[in-house]
N, C-alpha and C. Protein backbone atom coordinates (compact mmCIF):
# COMPACT_ATOMS: atom_id res chain seq x y z
N MET A 1 139.61 83.28 126.09
CA MET A 1 138.77 83.60 124.92
C MET A 1 139.59 84.43 123.94
N GLY A 2 139.78 83.89 122.76
CA GLY A 2 140.61 84.56 121.78
C GLY A 2 139.89 85.72 121.11
N LEU A 3 140.68 86.61 120.59
CA LEU A 3 140.14 87.76 119.88
C LEU A 3 139.90 87.39 118.42
N LYS A 4 138.67 87.57 117.97
CA LYS A 4 138.32 87.24 116.59
C LYS A 4 138.58 88.45 115.71
N ILE A 5 139.43 88.26 114.74
CA ILE A 5 139.76 89.35 113.85
C ILE A 5 139.18 89.06 112.46
N ALA A 6 138.36 89.96 111.95
CA ALA A 6 137.74 89.79 110.62
C ALA A 6 138.33 90.82 109.67
N TRP A 7 138.64 90.34 108.48
CA TRP A 7 139.19 91.23 107.46
C TRP A 7 138.06 92.06 106.86
N GLU A 8 138.17 93.36 107.00
CA GLU A 8 137.14 94.26 106.48
C GLU A 8 137.48 94.63 105.04
N ARG A 9 136.57 94.25 104.15
CA ARG A 9 136.79 94.58 102.75
C ARG A 9 136.47 96.05 102.47
N LYS A 10 137.25 96.62 101.60
CA LYS A 10 136.99 98.00 101.20
C LYS A 10 135.72 98.05 100.35
N PRO A 11 134.91 99.09 100.55
CA PRO A 11 133.71 99.20 99.73
C PRO A 11 134.07 99.34 98.25
N LYS A 12 133.25 98.73 97.41
CA LYS A 12 133.54 98.76 95.97
C LYS A 12 133.39 100.17 95.42
N THR A 13 134.29 100.54 94.54
CA THR A 13 134.18 101.82 93.86
C THR A 13 133.10 101.73 92.79
N HIS A 14 132.66 102.89 92.32
CA HIS A 14 131.62 102.94 91.28
C HIS A 14 132.10 102.20 90.02
N LYS A 15 133.36 102.38 89.69
CA LYS A 15 133.93 101.73 88.51
C LYS A 15 133.95 100.22 88.68
N ARG A 16 134.28 99.76 89.89
CA ARG A 16 134.33 98.32 90.17
C ARG A 16 132.94 97.70 90.11
N VAL A 17 131.93 98.41 90.61
CA VAL A 17 130.56 97.92 90.58
C VAL A 17 130.10 97.72 89.13
N ILE A 18 130.43 98.69 88.28
CA ILE A 18 130.06 98.59 86.86
C ILE A 18 130.77 97.41 86.20
N LYS A 19 132.06 97.24 86.52
CA LYS A 19 132.82 96.13 85.93
C LYS A 19 132.24 94.78 86.34
N ASP A 20 131.89 94.64 87.63
CA ASP A 20 131.31 93.38 88.12
C ASP A 20 129.95 93.12 87.49
N ALA A 21 129.17 94.19 87.32
CA ALA A 21 127.84 94.04 86.72
C ALA A 21 127.94 93.60 85.27
N LYS A 22 128.90 94.15 84.54
CA LYS A 22 129.09 93.76 83.14
C LYS A 22 129.54 92.31 83.03
N LYS A 23 130.41 91.89 83.94
CA LYS A 23 130.88 90.50 83.94
C LYS A 23 129.73 89.55 84.24
N LEU A 24 128.92 89.91 85.24
CA LEU A 24 127.76 89.09 85.60
C LEU A 24 126.75 89.04 84.47
N LYS A 25 126.56 90.18 83.80
CA LYS A 25 125.63 90.25 82.67
C LYS A 25 126.08 89.33 81.55
N LYS A 26 127.37 89.27 81.30
CA LYS A 26 127.90 88.40 80.25
C LYS A 26 127.63 86.93 80.58
N ASN A 27 127.82 86.56 81.84
CA ASN A 27 127.59 85.17 82.24
C ASN A 27 126.12 84.79 82.14
N VAL A 28 125.24 85.69 82.58
CA VAL A 28 123.81 85.40 82.53
C VAL A 28 123.33 85.40 81.08
N ALA A 29 123.87 86.28 80.26
CA ALA A 29 123.46 86.36 78.85
C ALA A 29 123.76 85.06 78.13
N SER A 30 124.87 84.42 78.47
CA SER A 30 125.20 83.16 77.83
C SER A 30 124.20 82.07 78.23
N THR A 31 123.69 82.17 79.46
CA THR A 31 122.67 81.22 79.91
C THR A 31 121.36 81.45 79.19
N LEU A 32 121.03 82.72 78.94
CA LEU A 32 119.76 83.07 78.30
C LEU A 32 119.77 82.91 76.79
N SER A 33 120.94 82.73 76.19
CA SER A 33 121.03 82.72 74.74
C SER A 33 120.17 81.64 74.10
N TRP A 34 119.98 80.52 74.79
CA TRP A 34 119.17 79.44 74.23
C TRP A 34 117.69 79.58 74.57
N MET A 35 117.34 80.60 75.36
CA MET A 35 115.94 80.81 75.74
C MET A 35 115.21 81.74 74.78
N HIS A 36 115.94 82.40 73.88
CA HIS A 36 115.39 83.21 72.80
C HIS A 36 114.71 84.49 73.26
N ILE A 37 114.84 84.89 74.52
CA ILE A 37 114.25 86.15 74.95
C ILE A 37 115.21 87.29 74.62
N GLU A 38 114.79 88.16 73.72
CA GLU A 38 115.63 89.30 73.36
C GLU A 38 115.33 90.50 74.25
N GLU A 39 114.04 90.73 74.53
CA GLU A 39 113.66 91.93 75.28
C GLU A 39 112.25 91.75 75.85
N ILE A 40 112.02 92.36 76.99
CA ILE A 40 110.68 92.41 77.55
C ILE A 40 110.27 93.87 77.64
N GLN A 41 109.23 94.22 76.90
CA GLN A 41 108.77 95.60 76.82
C GLN A 41 107.52 95.79 77.66
N GLU A 42 106.98 97.00 77.64
CA GLU A 42 105.81 97.32 78.46
C GLU A 42 104.62 96.44 78.14
N HIS A 43 104.43 96.13 76.85
CA HIS A 43 103.22 95.42 76.44
C HIS A 43 103.48 94.08 75.77
N GLN A 44 104.75 93.63 75.72
CA GLN A 44 105.02 92.37 75.04
C GLN A 44 106.40 91.83 75.38
N ILE A 45 106.59 90.54 75.06
CA ILE A 45 107.90 89.90 75.13
C ILE A 45 108.37 89.68 73.70
N VAL A 46 109.61 90.01 73.42
CA VAL A 46 110.18 89.83 72.09
C VAL A 46 111.13 88.64 72.11
N LEU A 47 110.82 87.63 71.30
CA LEU A 47 111.67 86.46 71.17
C LEU A 47 112.47 86.56 69.89
N LYS A 48 113.69 86.04 69.90
CA LYS A 48 114.53 86.09 68.70
C LYS A 48 115.32 84.81 68.57
N SER A 49 115.24 84.21 67.38
CA SER A 49 116.02 83.02 67.06
C SER A 49 116.66 83.24 65.70
N GLY A 50 117.97 83.46 65.70
CA GLY A 50 118.64 83.83 64.45
C GLY A 50 118.20 85.22 64.04
N ASN A 51 117.68 85.34 62.82
CA ASN A 51 117.18 86.62 62.33
C ASN A 51 115.66 86.75 62.47
N LYS A 52 115.04 85.74 63.03
CA LYS A 52 113.58 85.74 63.13
C LYS A 52 113.13 86.20 64.52
N LYS A 53 112.06 86.99 64.54
CA LYS A 53 111.50 87.48 65.79
C LYS A 53 110.05 87.03 65.93
N ARG A 54 109.65 86.86 67.18
CA ARG A 54 108.25 86.59 67.50
C ARG A 54 107.85 87.49 68.66
N TYR A 55 106.61 87.94 68.60
CA TYR A 55 106.10 88.87 69.60
C TYR A 55 105.02 88.18 70.44
N VAL A 56 105.21 88.22 71.75
CA VAL A 56 104.30 87.55 72.66
C VAL A 56 103.51 88.59 73.45
N ARG A 57 102.19 88.49 73.39
CA ARG A 57 101.31 89.37 74.17
C ARG A 57 100.23 88.53 74.80
N GLY A 58 99.50 89.10 75.74
CA GLY A 58 98.47 88.28 76.37
C GLY A 58 97.56 89.02 77.32
N ILE A 59 96.68 88.23 77.94
CA ILE A 59 95.71 88.73 78.91
C ILE A 59 95.74 87.83 80.14
N LYS A 60 95.21 88.34 81.23
CA LYS A 60 94.97 87.49 82.39
C LYS A 60 93.48 87.57 82.74
N ILE A 61 92.93 86.44 83.10
CA ILE A 61 91.51 86.33 83.38
C ILE A 61 91.26 86.34 84.88
N HIS A 62 90.36 87.18 85.32
CA HIS A 62 90.00 87.22 86.73
C HIS A 62 89.27 85.93 87.09
N PRO A 63 89.63 85.31 88.20
CA PRO A 63 89.02 84.01 88.56
C PRO A 63 87.53 84.12 88.87
N ILE A 64 86.82 83.07 88.54
CA ILE A 64 85.38 82.98 88.81
C ILE A 64 85.12 81.64 89.49
N ASN A 65 84.43 81.67 90.61
CA ASN A 65 84.07 80.44 91.31
C ASN A 65 82.70 79.99 90.81
N ILE A 66 82.71 79.11 89.82
CA ILE A 66 81.44 78.67 89.22
C ILE A 66 80.64 77.78 90.17
N PHE A 67 81.26 77.28 91.23
CA PHE A 67 80.58 76.36 92.13
C PHE A 67 79.58 77.07 93.06
N ILE A 68 79.65 78.42 93.08
CA ILE A 68 78.65 79.15 93.87
C ILE A 68 77.53 79.64 92.97
N GLU A 69 77.60 79.36 91.68
CA GLU A 69 76.56 79.74 90.74
C GLU A 69 75.54 78.60 90.60
N ASP A 70 74.36 78.94 90.16
CA ASP A 70 73.35 77.90 89.97
C ASP A 70 73.71 77.06 88.73
N PRO A 71 73.20 75.84 88.61
CA PRO A 71 73.56 74.93 87.52
C PRO A 71 73.36 75.51 86.13
N TYR A 72 72.31 76.29 85.93
CA TYR A 72 72.06 76.87 84.61
C TYR A 72 73.16 77.86 84.24
N GLU A 73 73.54 78.72 85.20
CA GLU A 73 74.59 79.70 84.92
C GLU A 73 75.93 79.00 84.69
N GLN A 74 76.20 77.93 85.41
CA GLN A 74 77.42 77.15 85.17
C GLN A 74 77.45 76.63 83.74
N MET A 75 76.33 76.07 83.30
CA MET A 75 76.24 75.50 81.96
C MET A 75 76.43 76.59 80.90
N MET A 76 75.82 77.77 81.10
CA MET A 76 75.94 78.86 80.14
C MET A 76 77.37 79.41 80.10
N ARG A 77 78.01 79.48 81.26
CA ARG A 77 79.38 80.02 81.28
C ARG A 77 80.33 79.08 80.53
N VAL A 78 80.19 77.79 80.74
CA VAL A 78 81.02 76.82 80.02
C VAL A 78 80.73 76.87 78.53
N ALA A 79 79.47 77.04 78.15
CA ALA A 79 79.09 77.12 76.74
C ALA A 79 79.69 78.36 76.09
N ARG A 80 79.68 79.49 76.80
CA ARG A 80 80.26 80.72 76.26
C ARG A 80 81.77 80.58 76.09
N LEU A 81 82.42 79.92 77.04
CA LEU A 81 83.86 79.70 76.94
C LEU A 81 84.17 78.79 75.75
N ARG A 82 83.35 77.76 75.55
CA ARG A 82 83.55 76.86 74.41
C ARG A 82 83.40 77.62 73.09
N ASN A 83 82.44 78.54 73.03
CA ASN A 83 82.25 79.33 71.82
C ASN A 83 83.46 80.24 71.54
N VAL A 84 84.07 80.74 72.61
CA VAL A 84 85.27 81.57 72.43
C VAL A 84 86.35 80.78 71.71
N TYR A 85 86.61 79.57 72.18
CA TYR A 85 87.66 78.76 71.59
C TYR A 85 87.29 78.27 70.18
N ASN A 86 86.03 78.15 69.92
CA ASN A 86 85.60 77.76 68.56
C ASN A 86 85.78 78.91 67.57
N ARG A 87 85.61 80.15 68.03
CA ARG A 87 85.70 81.30 67.13
C ARG A 87 87.14 81.75 66.90
N ILE A 88 88.01 81.57 67.89
CA ILE A 88 89.40 82.01 67.74
C ILE A 88 90.15 81.02 66.85
N LYS A 89 90.78 81.53 65.80
CA LYS A 89 91.41 80.67 64.80
C LYS A 89 92.93 80.56 64.95
N PHE A 90 93.49 81.30 65.89
CA PHE A 90 94.95 81.24 66.07
C PHE A 90 95.27 80.49 67.35
N LYS A 91 96.54 80.11 67.48
CA LYS A 91 96.97 79.29 68.62
C LYS A 91 97.06 80.12 69.89
N LEU A 92 96.59 79.53 70.99
CA LEU A 92 96.66 80.17 72.29
C LEU A 92 97.59 79.38 73.21
N TYR A 93 98.29 80.10 74.08
CA TYR A 93 99.20 79.48 75.05
C TYR A 93 98.68 79.80 76.46
N HIS A 94 98.53 78.77 77.29
CA HIS A 94 97.95 78.92 78.61
C HIS A 94 99.00 78.72 79.70
N SER A 95 98.95 79.56 80.72
CA SER A 95 99.91 79.46 81.83
C SER A 95 99.22 79.77 83.15
N PHE A 96 99.55 79.00 84.16
CA PHE A 96 99.11 79.28 85.52
C PHE A 96 100.30 79.88 86.26
N VAL A 97 100.17 81.12 86.73
CA VAL A 97 101.30 81.84 87.30
C VAL A 97 100.97 82.26 88.73
N PHE A 98 101.88 81.96 89.66
CA PHE A 98 101.74 82.45 91.03
C PHE A 98 102.38 83.83 91.12
N ASN A 99 101.56 84.83 91.38
CA ASN A 99 102.03 86.21 91.46
C ASN A 99 101.80 86.78 92.85
N PRO A 100 102.57 87.80 93.22
CA PRO A 100 102.29 88.49 94.49
C PRO A 100 100.86 89.02 94.50
N ILE A 101 100.22 88.93 95.64
CA ILE A 101 98.83 89.39 95.76
C ILE A 101 98.76 90.90 95.62
N ASN A 102 97.86 91.37 94.78
CA ASN A 102 97.69 92.80 94.55
C ASN A 102 96.60 93.34 95.48
N MET A 103 97.02 94.12 96.47
CA MET A 103 96.07 94.74 97.41
C MET A 103 96.21 96.26 97.38
N ASP A 104 96.56 96.79 96.21
CA ASP A 104 96.77 98.24 96.09
C ASP A 104 95.52 99.03 96.46
N LYS A 105 94.35 98.59 95.99
CA LYS A 105 93.10 99.32 96.26
C LYS A 105 92.78 99.30 97.75
N GLU A 106 92.96 98.12 98.36
CA GLU A 106 92.67 98.00 99.79
C GLU A 106 93.62 98.86 100.63
N LEU A 107 94.92 98.84 100.27
CA LEU A 107 95.90 99.63 101.01
C LEU A 107 95.67 101.13 100.81
N ALA A 108 95.27 101.52 99.59
CA ALA A 108 94.98 102.93 99.33
C ALA A 108 93.79 103.40 100.16
N TYR A 109 92.79 102.53 100.27
CA TYR A 109 91.61 102.87 101.08
C TYR A 109 91.97 103.01 102.55
N LEU A 110 92.77 102.06 103.06
CA LEU A 110 93.18 102.13 104.46
C LEU A 110 94.04 103.35 104.74
N SER A 111 94.90 103.70 103.80
CA SER A 111 95.76 104.88 103.97
C SER A 111 94.92 106.15 104.00
N GLN A 112 93.91 106.19 103.15
CA GLN A 112 93.02 107.34 103.13
C GLN A 112 92.24 107.47 104.44
N ARG A 113 91.78 106.33 104.93
CA ARG A 113 91.08 106.33 106.22
C ARG A 113 92.00 106.80 107.35
N LEU A 114 93.27 106.34 107.28
CA LEU A 114 94.23 106.71 108.33
C LEU A 114 94.50 108.21 108.31
N ASP A 115 94.52 108.81 107.14
CA ASP A 115 94.79 110.25 107.02
C ASP A 115 93.65 111.11 107.57
N THR A 116 92.42 110.60 107.47
CA THR A 116 91.26 111.40 107.87
C THR A 116 90.75 111.08 109.28
N GLU A 117 91.17 109.92 109.82
CA GLU A 117 90.69 109.51 111.13
C GLU A 117 91.42 110.26 112.25
N THR A 118 90.65 110.74 113.24
CA THR A 118 91.24 111.48 114.36
C THR A 118 91.22 110.71 115.66
N ASN A 119 90.38 109.67 115.73
CA ASN A 119 90.29 108.87 116.96
C ASN A 119 91.53 107.97 117.08
N PRO A 120 92.33 108.14 118.13
CA PRO A 120 93.57 107.36 118.28
C PRO A 120 93.34 105.85 118.29
N SER A 121 92.26 105.39 118.91
CA SER A 121 92.00 103.96 118.98
C SER A 121 91.70 103.39 117.60
N ILE A 122 90.90 104.12 116.83
CA ILE A 122 90.56 103.67 115.47
C ILE A 122 91.79 103.74 114.57
N ARG A 123 92.60 104.79 114.74
CA ARG A 123 93.83 104.91 113.95
C ARG A 123 94.75 103.72 114.20
N GLU A 124 94.81 103.28 115.45
CA GLU A 124 95.65 102.13 115.80
C GLU A 124 95.14 100.86 115.11
N LEU A 125 93.82 100.69 115.05
CA LEU A 125 93.24 99.53 114.38
C LEU A 125 93.52 99.56 112.88
N ILE A 126 93.41 100.74 112.28
CA ILE A 126 93.67 100.88 110.83
C ILE A 126 95.13 100.58 110.53
N GLN A 127 96.03 101.12 111.37
CA GLN A 127 97.45 100.87 111.18
C GLN A 127 97.76 99.39 111.30
N ASP A 128 97.08 98.72 112.22
CA ASP A 128 97.26 97.28 112.40
C ASP A 128 96.80 96.52 111.15
N ASP A 129 95.67 96.96 110.55
CA ASP A 129 95.19 96.34 109.31
C ASP A 129 96.17 96.52 108.16
N ILE A 130 96.79 97.70 108.09
CA ILE A 130 97.78 97.97 107.03
C ILE A 130 98.97 97.04 107.19
N GLU A 131 99.46 96.90 108.41
CA GLU A 131 100.62 96.03 108.66
C GLU A 131 100.29 94.57 108.36
N LYS A 132 99.09 94.13 108.71
CA LYS A 132 98.68 92.75 108.42
C LYS A 132 98.57 92.53 106.90
N SER A 133 98.08 93.53 106.19
CA SER A 133 97.96 93.42 104.73
C SER A 133 99.33 93.30 104.08
N ILE A 134 100.29 94.10 104.55
CA ILE A 134 101.65 94.05 104.01
C ILE A 134 102.28 92.69 104.28
N MET A 135 102.07 92.14 105.47
CA MET A 135 102.59 90.81 105.80
C MET A 135 101.93 89.75 104.93
N PHE A 136 100.64 89.90 104.67
CA PHE A 136 99.91 88.94 103.83
C PHE A 136 100.47 88.95 102.41
N ILE A 137 100.74 90.15 101.87
CA ILE A 137 101.30 90.28 100.52
C ILE A 137 102.68 89.63 100.46
N ARG A 138 103.47 89.82 101.52
CA ARG A 138 104.83 89.30 101.56
C ARG A 138 104.87 87.78 101.65
N ASP A 139 103.92 87.19 102.35
CA ASP A 139 103.98 85.76 102.67
C ASP A 139 103.18 84.87 101.72
N PHE A 140 102.28 85.45 100.92
CA PHE A 140 101.42 84.63 100.09
C PHE A 140 101.40 85.11 98.65
N ASN A 141 101.12 84.18 97.73
CA ASN A 141 100.93 84.49 96.31
C ASN A 141 99.54 84.04 95.88
N GLU A 142 99.06 84.60 94.80
CA GLU A 142 97.79 84.17 94.25
C GLU A 142 98.00 83.59 92.86
N LEU A 143 97.17 82.63 92.51
CA LEU A 143 97.27 81.96 91.22
C LEU A 143 96.51 82.77 90.17
N GLU A 144 97.20 83.13 89.09
CA GLU A 144 96.57 83.87 87.99
C GLU A 144 96.66 83.05 86.71
N PHE A 145 95.69 83.26 85.85
CA PHE A 145 95.58 82.50 84.62
C PHE A 145 95.90 83.40 83.44
N PHE A 146 97.01 83.13 82.76
CA PHE A 146 97.45 83.91 81.61
C PHE A 146 97.12 83.18 80.32
N ILE A 147 96.67 83.93 79.32
CA ILE A 147 96.51 83.41 77.96
C ILE A 147 97.31 84.32 77.03
N THR A 148 98.25 83.75 76.30
CA THR A 148 99.11 84.54 75.43
C THR A 148 99.02 84.09 73.98
N ILE A 149 99.43 85.00 73.10
CA ILE A 149 99.50 84.71 71.66
C ILE A 149 100.91 85.01 71.17
N GLN A 150 101.27 84.47 70.05
CA GLN A 150 102.57 84.75 69.44
C GLN A 150 102.37 85.07 67.97
N SER A 151 103.16 86.02 67.46
CA SER A 151 103.09 86.38 66.04
C SER A 151 104.46 86.82 65.55
N THR A 152 104.67 86.74 64.25
CA THR A 152 105.95 87.13 63.66
C THR A 152 106.02 88.63 63.38
N THR A 153 104.88 89.34 63.47
CA THR A 153 104.86 90.79 63.28
C THR A 153 104.06 91.46 64.39
N GLU A 154 104.43 92.68 64.72
CA GLU A 154 103.71 93.41 65.76
C GLU A 154 102.30 93.76 65.31
N LYS A 155 102.13 94.04 64.03
CA LYS A 155 100.81 94.38 63.50
C LYS A 155 99.85 93.21 63.66
N GLU A 156 100.30 92.02 63.29
CA GLU A 156 99.45 90.84 63.42
C GLU A 156 99.19 90.52 64.89
N ALA A 157 100.21 90.72 65.73
CA ALA A 157 100.05 90.47 67.16
C ALA A 157 98.95 91.35 67.75
N GLN A 158 98.88 92.61 67.29
CA GLN A 158 97.86 93.52 67.79
C GLN A 158 96.47 93.10 67.33
N ILE A 159 96.37 92.64 66.08
CA ILE A 159 95.08 92.16 65.56
C ILE A 159 94.61 90.95 66.36
N MET A 160 95.53 90.03 66.64
CA MET A 160 95.19 88.85 67.43
C MET A 160 94.78 89.23 68.84
N MET A 161 95.47 90.21 69.43
CA MET A 161 95.13 90.66 70.77
C MET A 161 93.74 91.29 70.81
N ASP A 162 93.43 92.08 69.79
CA ASP A 162 92.10 92.71 69.73
C ASP A 162 91.01 91.64 69.68
N ASP A 163 91.22 90.60 68.88
CA ASP A 163 90.24 89.51 68.79
C ASP A 163 90.14 88.76 70.12
N LEU A 164 91.29 88.53 70.75
CA LEU A 164 91.32 87.79 72.02
C LEU A 164 90.54 88.54 73.10
N VAL A 165 90.82 89.83 73.22
CA VAL A 165 90.14 90.65 74.23
C VAL A 165 88.64 90.72 73.94
N TYR A 166 88.29 90.93 72.68
CA TYR A 166 86.87 91.05 72.30
C TYR A 166 86.09 89.77 72.63
N GLU A 167 86.65 88.63 72.29
CA GLU A 167 85.93 87.37 72.48
C GLU A 167 85.72 87.04 73.96
N PHE A 168 86.73 87.26 74.77
CA PHE A 168 86.59 86.93 76.19
C PHE A 168 85.68 87.92 76.92
N GLU A 169 85.77 89.20 76.55
CA GLU A 169 84.87 90.17 77.16
C GLU A 169 83.44 89.93 76.72
N ARG A 170 83.26 89.57 75.46
CA ARG A 170 81.94 89.25 74.94
C ARG A 170 81.32 88.06 75.67
N ALA A 171 82.16 87.12 76.08
CA ALA A 171 81.68 85.92 76.78
C ALA A 171 81.42 86.18 78.27
N GLY A 172 81.67 87.42 78.73
CA GLY A 172 81.35 87.76 80.11
C GLY A 172 82.49 87.59 81.09
N PHE A 173 83.73 87.44 80.59
CA PHE A 173 84.88 87.28 81.48
C PHE A 173 85.53 88.64 81.72
N GLN A 174 85.98 88.86 82.95
CA GLN A 174 86.70 90.08 83.29
C GLN A 174 88.20 89.83 83.08
N ILE A 175 88.83 90.65 82.26
CA ILE A 175 90.22 90.41 81.90
C ILE A 175 91.04 91.69 82.05
N ASP A 176 92.35 91.52 82.09
CA ASP A 176 93.30 92.63 82.04
C ASP A 176 94.37 92.30 81.00
N THR A 177 94.80 93.31 80.26
CA THR A 177 95.92 93.11 79.34
C THR A 177 97.22 93.03 80.12
N LEU A 178 98.06 92.09 79.80
CA LEU A 178 99.32 91.92 80.51
C LEU A 178 100.21 93.14 80.31
N ASN A 179 100.84 93.60 81.39
CA ASN A 179 101.79 94.70 81.31
C ASN A 179 103.16 94.22 81.76
N ILE A 180 104.10 95.14 81.86
CA ILE A 180 105.49 94.75 82.13
C ILE A 180 105.62 94.10 83.52
N ILE A 181 104.78 94.50 84.48
CA ILE A 181 104.82 93.87 85.81
C ILE A 181 104.37 92.42 85.72
N ASP A 182 103.33 92.17 84.90
CA ASP A 182 102.85 90.79 84.70
C ASP A 182 103.92 89.95 84.02
N TYR A 183 104.59 90.53 83.00
CA TYR A 183 105.64 89.79 82.31
C TYR A 183 106.82 89.51 83.24
N GLU A 184 107.10 90.46 84.15
CA GLU A 184 108.17 90.25 85.12
C GLU A 184 107.83 89.08 86.05
N ASN A 185 106.59 89.07 86.54
CA ASN A 185 106.15 87.96 87.40
C ASN A 185 106.13 86.64 86.62
N TYR A 186 105.73 86.72 85.36
CA TYR A 186 105.66 85.54 84.50
C TYR A 186 107.04 84.92 84.31
N SER A 187 108.03 85.76 83.98
CA SER A 187 109.39 85.25 83.77
C SER A 187 109.98 84.71 85.06
N ALA A 188 109.67 85.36 86.19
CA ALA A 188 110.16 84.87 87.48
C ALA A 188 109.58 83.50 87.78
N TYR A 189 108.32 83.31 87.42
CA TYR A 189 107.66 82.02 87.68
C TYR A 189 108.21 80.93 86.75
N ILE A 190 108.45 81.29 85.48
CA ILE A 190 108.94 80.32 84.51
C ILE A 190 110.37 79.89 84.82
N PHE A 191 111.25 80.86 85.06
CA PHE A 191 112.68 80.55 85.24
C PHE A 191 113.01 80.13 86.66
N GLU A 192 112.22 80.60 87.64
CA GLU A 192 112.50 80.32 89.05
C GLU A 192 113.94 80.67 89.41
N ASN A 193 114.40 81.80 88.86
CA ASN A 193 115.78 82.23 89.08
C ASN A 193 115.79 83.75 89.13
N GLN A 194 116.01 84.33 90.31
CA GLN A 194 115.94 85.77 90.48
C GLN A 194 117.02 86.49 89.67
N MET A 195 118.16 85.83 89.47
CA MET A 195 119.25 86.45 88.73
C MET A 195 118.82 86.74 87.28
N ILE A 196 118.09 85.79 86.67
CA ILE A 196 117.63 85.98 85.31
C ILE A 196 116.62 87.12 85.25
N ASN A 197 115.74 87.19 86.23
CA ASN A 197 114.75 88.26 86.26
C ASN A 197 115.42 89.62 86.44
N ASP A 198 116.45 89.68 87.30
CA ASP A 198 117.20 90.93 87.48
C ASP A 198 117.84 91.35 86.17
N TYR A 199 118.35 90.39 85.41
CA TYR A 199 119.00 90.68 84.13
C TYR A 199 117.99 91.25 83.12
N LEU A 200 116.82 90.61 83.03
CA LEU A 200 115.82 91.01 82.04
C LEU A 200 115.22 92.38 82.34
N PHE A 201 115.14 92.74 83.63
CA PHE A 201 114.45 93.98 83.99
C PHE A 201 115.37 95.03 84.60
N GLY A 202 116.68 94.76 84.62
CA GLY A 202 117.61 95.77 85.12
C GLY A 202 117.50 96.01 86.62
N HIS A 203 117.25 94.93 87.40
CA HIS A 203 117.17 95.06 88.84
C HIS A 203 118.47 94.59 89.48
N GLY A 204 118.54 94.73 90.80
CA GLY A 204 119.67 94.18 91.55
C GLY A 204 121.02 94.67 91.05
N ALA A 205 121.93 93.73 90.80
CA ALA A 205 123.29 94.07 90.38
C ALA A 205 123.31 94.74 89.01
N PHE A 206 122.23 94.56 88.22
CA PHE A 206 122.19 95.12 86.86
C PHE A 206 121.57 96.51 86.82
N GLN A 207 121.12 97.01 87.96
CA GLN A 207 120.44 98.31 87.98
C GLN A 207 121.36 99.43 87.55
N ILE A 208 122.63 99.35 87.93
CA ILE A 208 123.57 100.41 87.57
C ILE A 208 123.76 100.50 86.07
N LEU A 209 123.70 99.33 85.37
CA LEU A 209 123.83 99.34 83.91
C LEU A 209 122.59 99.93 83.27
N ALA A 210 121.42 99.64 83.84
CA ALA A 210 120.17 100.22 83.33
C ALA A 210 120.19 101.74 83.49
N GLU A 211 120.70 102.22 84.63
CA GLU A 211 120.79 103.67 84.86
C GLU A 211 121.76 104.31 83.88
N MET A 212 122.83 103.60 83.55
CA MET A 212 123.79 104.13 82.58
C MET A 212 123.16 104.27 81.21
N ASN A 213 122.32 103.27 80.83
CA ASN A 213 121.64 103.33 79.53
C ASN A 213 120.69 104.53 79.47
N VAL A 214 119.99 104.80 80.58
CA VAL A 214 119.08 105.95 80.63
C VAL A 214 119.85 107.24 80.48
N GLU A 215 121.00 107.32 81.17
CA GLU A 215 121.83 108.52 81.07
C GLU A 215 122.34 108.72 79.65
N ASP A 216 122.73 107.62 78.99
CA ASP A 216 123.21 107.71 77.61
C ASP A 216 122.10 108.20 76.68
N GLU A 217 120.87 107.67 76.89
CA GLU A 217 119.75 108.08 76.05
C GLU A 217 119.43 109.55 76.25
N GLU A 218 119.45 110.02 77.51
CA GLU A 218 119.19 111.43 77.79
C GLU A 218 120.26 112.32 77.18
N SER A 219 121.51 111.85 77.24
CA SER A 219 122.61 112.62 76.66
C SER A 219 122.46 112.74 75.15
N ASN A 220 122.05 111.62 74.50
CA ASN A 220 121.85 111.65 73.05
C ASN A 220 120.72 112.59 72.67
N ILE A 221 119.63 112.59 73.48
CA ILE A 221 118.50 113.49 73.21
C ILE A 221 118.93 114.94 73.34
N ASN A 222 119.69 115.24 74.41
CA ASN A 222 120.15 116.62 74.63
C ASN A 222 121.07 117.07 73.51
N ASN A 223 121.94 116.16 73.04
CA ASN A 223 122.84 116.51 71.94
C ASN A 223 122.06 116.80 70.67
N THR A 224 121.04 115.98 70.42
CA THR A 224 120.21 116.18 69.23
C THR A 224 119.49 117.52 69.28
N ILE A 225 118.94 117.85 70.46
CA ILE A 225 118.24 119.13 70.62
C ILE A 225 119.20 120.29 70.41
N SER A 226 120.42 120.18 70.97
CA SER A 226 121.42 121.24 70.83
C SER A 226 121.79 121.45 69.36
N GLU A 227 121.94 120.33 68.63
CA GLU A 227 122.27 120.42 67.21
C GLU A 227 121.15 121.08 66.42
N GLU A 228 119.89 120.73 66.76
CA GLU A 228 118.75 121.32 66.05
C GLU A 228 118.65 122.81 66.33
N VAL A 229 118.89 123.19 67.59
CA VAL A 229 118.86 124.62 67.95
C VAL A 229 119.96 125.36 67.23
N SER A 230 121.15 124.76 67.19
CA SER A 230 122.29 125.38 66.51
C SER A 230 122.02 125.56 65.02
N ASP A 231 121.44 124.51 64.40
CA ASP A 231 121.09 124.59 62.98
C ASP A 231 120.06 125.69 62.75
N GLY A 232 119.11 125.84 63.67
CA GLY A 232 118.09 126.87 63.53
C GLY A 232 118.68 128.25 63.60
N GLU A 233 119.67 128.43 64.50
CA GLU A 233 120.33 129.73 64.62
C GLU A 233 121.10 130.07 63.36
N HIS A 234 121.77 129.07 62.77
CA HIS A 234 122.51 129.31 61.53
C HIS A 234 121.57 129.73 60.41
N ILE A 235 120.40 129.08 60.34
CA ILE A 235 119.42 129.42 59.30
C ILE A 235 118.92 130.85 59.49
N SER A 236 118.68 131.24 60.78
CA SER A 236 118.19 132.59 61.06
C SER A 236 119.21 133.64 60.65
N GLU A 237 120.50 133.34 60.90
CA GLU A 237 121.55 134.28 60.54
C GLU A 237 121.61 134.48 59.03
N LYS A 238 121.38 133.38 58.28
CA LYS A 238 121.39 133.49 56.82
C LYS A 238 120.22 134.32 56.33
């Protein structure tokens, strides 16, 4: 039996990690250049083509099983939805997105129960439920329904969003405004490429570059504060 010898690579230095991340970012950026995504913010996606920008915002609608409702309620719900689309005068974009299942409320409740429970047998059952919930979140996704709008200005996008939210809530639908986590899931579903998602949100290999940007911003803020304090001292001396 021969001796297997494996070449052990030296761990990457901090400088090397940054260099590799920048190189990878350049390659991914060239792929994304034709997709027009400039930035994904907390409340919107910013698209850019040439000198023109478009702002994408949206909502997600909580699912309703109309088949367990009586025929009259089914008819009224469809009629209310039809009225929503008749009243909205701008274009809507519809997407079905598979997202990780959100069980934050359930897990928070189980964690609270675990903290207060003293019976060992019951604690074991609660812990088992927590582990099963985590496995369920890991192994399954849920289908969510997104409705988005696009506008050339942020002001108009906000007006359209206000109308969109008002009309659907008025029609009796439970909705949530899309946030950066929803946009992250949305882009992951659209591109089906984790590398692109890491690039857009500063995850994975790109995390070190995102941390550098934060450090640069903090440094600029501190420098600005120092300059203002210094200017104030000069004024006081005068």
